C-alpha cells in the first residue's frame, strides 16, 4: 500500500513540476493550511531520511559511551 501511494505521489509531483503556474498555486494553498504543510514536510523528511537502525555491541564501547548508550536505550523504551 505504501509503495502504491509513494509511486502515485511521485508521479503527481513530476506532473506538477512541469507546470509552474499549477506548482505556484498549489504551494500557496499548502502554505495557507499549516497542518497540511507540516504533515507534508514530515512525510518528505521521513522519506528522505529513514530512521537509522544500528546494531551496537555495548561491550565493545568505552565505559563513558556505554553508560550513555544504556541511558539512551532505556529512555527510548519508555
Protein backbone atom coordinates (compact mmCIF):
# COMPACT_ATOMS: atom_id res chain seq x y z
CA UNK A 1 0.00 0.00 0.00
CA UNK A 2 2.80 2.41 0.92
CA UNK A 3 4.56 1.69 -2.36
CA UNK A 4 1.44 2.48 -4.35
CA UNK A 5 0.92 5.76 -2.51
CA UNK A 6 4.56 6.71 -2.86
CA UNK A 7 4.57 5.98 -6.61
CA UNK A 8 1.38 7.97 -7.15
CA UNK A 9 2.77 10.87 -5.12
CA UNK A 10 5.99 10.86 -7.14
CA UNK A 11 4.01 10.78 -10.39
CA UNK A 12 1.84 13.66 -9.20
CA UNK A 13 4.86 15.72 -8.16
CA UNK A 14 6.54 15.12 -11.51
CA UNK A 15 3.40 16.23 -13.34
CA UNK A 16 3.02 19.36 -11.20
CA UNK A 17 6.68 20.29 -11.64
CA UNK A 18 6.11 20.57 -15.40
CA UNK A 19 3.58 23.38 -14.91
CA UNK A 20 4.95 26.37 -12.94
CA UNK A 21 1.55 28.07 -12.54
CA UNK A 22 -0.04 24.97 -11.01
CA UNK A 23 3.00 24.46 -8.80
CA UNK A 24 2.86 28.07 -7.57
CA UNK A 25 -0.89 27.84 -6.90
CA UNK A 26 -0.60 24.51 -5.10
CA UNK A 27 2.31 25.77 -2.98
CA UNK A 28 0.22 28.80 -1.99
CA UNK A 29 -2.70 26.58 -0.98
CA UNK A 30 -0.48 24.29 1.10
CA UNK A 31 1.16 27.24 2.88
CA UNK A 32 -2.28 28.51 3.91
CA UNK A 33 -3.08 25.21 5.66
CA UNK A 34 -0.41 24.83 8.39
CA UNK A 35 -1.40 21.29 9.39
CA UNK A 36 -1.14 20.07 5.80
CA UNK A 37 2.15 21.90 5.32
CA UNK A 38 3.63 20.33 8.47
CA UNK A 39 2.36 16.88 7.54
CA UNK A 40 3.82 17.05 4.04
CA UNK A 41 7.15 18.31 5.35
CA UNK A 42 7.28 15.49 7.91
CA UNK A 43 6.44 12.89 5.27
CA UNK A 44 9.13 14.26 2.95
CA UNK A 45 11.71 14.27 5.73
CA UNK A 46 10.89 10.67 6.68
CA UNK A 47 11.11 9.55 3.06
CA UNK A 48 14.44 11.30 2.56
CA UNK A 49 15.97 10.27 5.89
CA UNK A 50 14.64 6.94 7.12
CA UNK A 51 15.36 6.12 10.74
CA UNK A 52 18.77 4.54 11.17
CA UNK A 53 18.87 1.12 12.74
CA UNK A 54 22.18 0.27 14.33
CA UNK A 55 23.29 -2.99 15.84
CA UNK A 56 25.59 -1.82 18.62
CA UNK A 57 27.50 -4.19 20.85
CA UNK A 58 27.69 -2.28 24.14
CA UNK A 59 30.54 -4.49 25.35
CA UNK A 60 32.80 -3.02 22.66
CA UNK A 61 32.17 0.60 23.73
CA UNK A 62 34.30 2.58 26.19
CA UNK A 63 32.83 2.95 29.70
CA UNK A 64 31.51 6.52 29.26
CA UNK A 65 29.96 5.70 25.90
CA UNK A 66 28.42 2.52 27.28
CA UNK A 67 26.67 4.44 30.09
CA UNK A 68 25.34 7.00 27.60
CA UNK A 69 24.20 4.25 25.26
CA UNK A 70 22.34 2.47 28.06
CA UNK A 71 20.63 5.74 29.12
CA UNK A 72 19.52 6.43 25.54
CA UNK A 73 18.28 2.88 25.07
CA UNK A 74 16.24 2.88 28.30
CA UNK A 75 14.76 6.32 27.57
CA UNK A 76 13.69 5.23 24.07
CA UNK A 77 11.88 2.19 25.50
CA UNK A 78 9.55 4.33 27.61
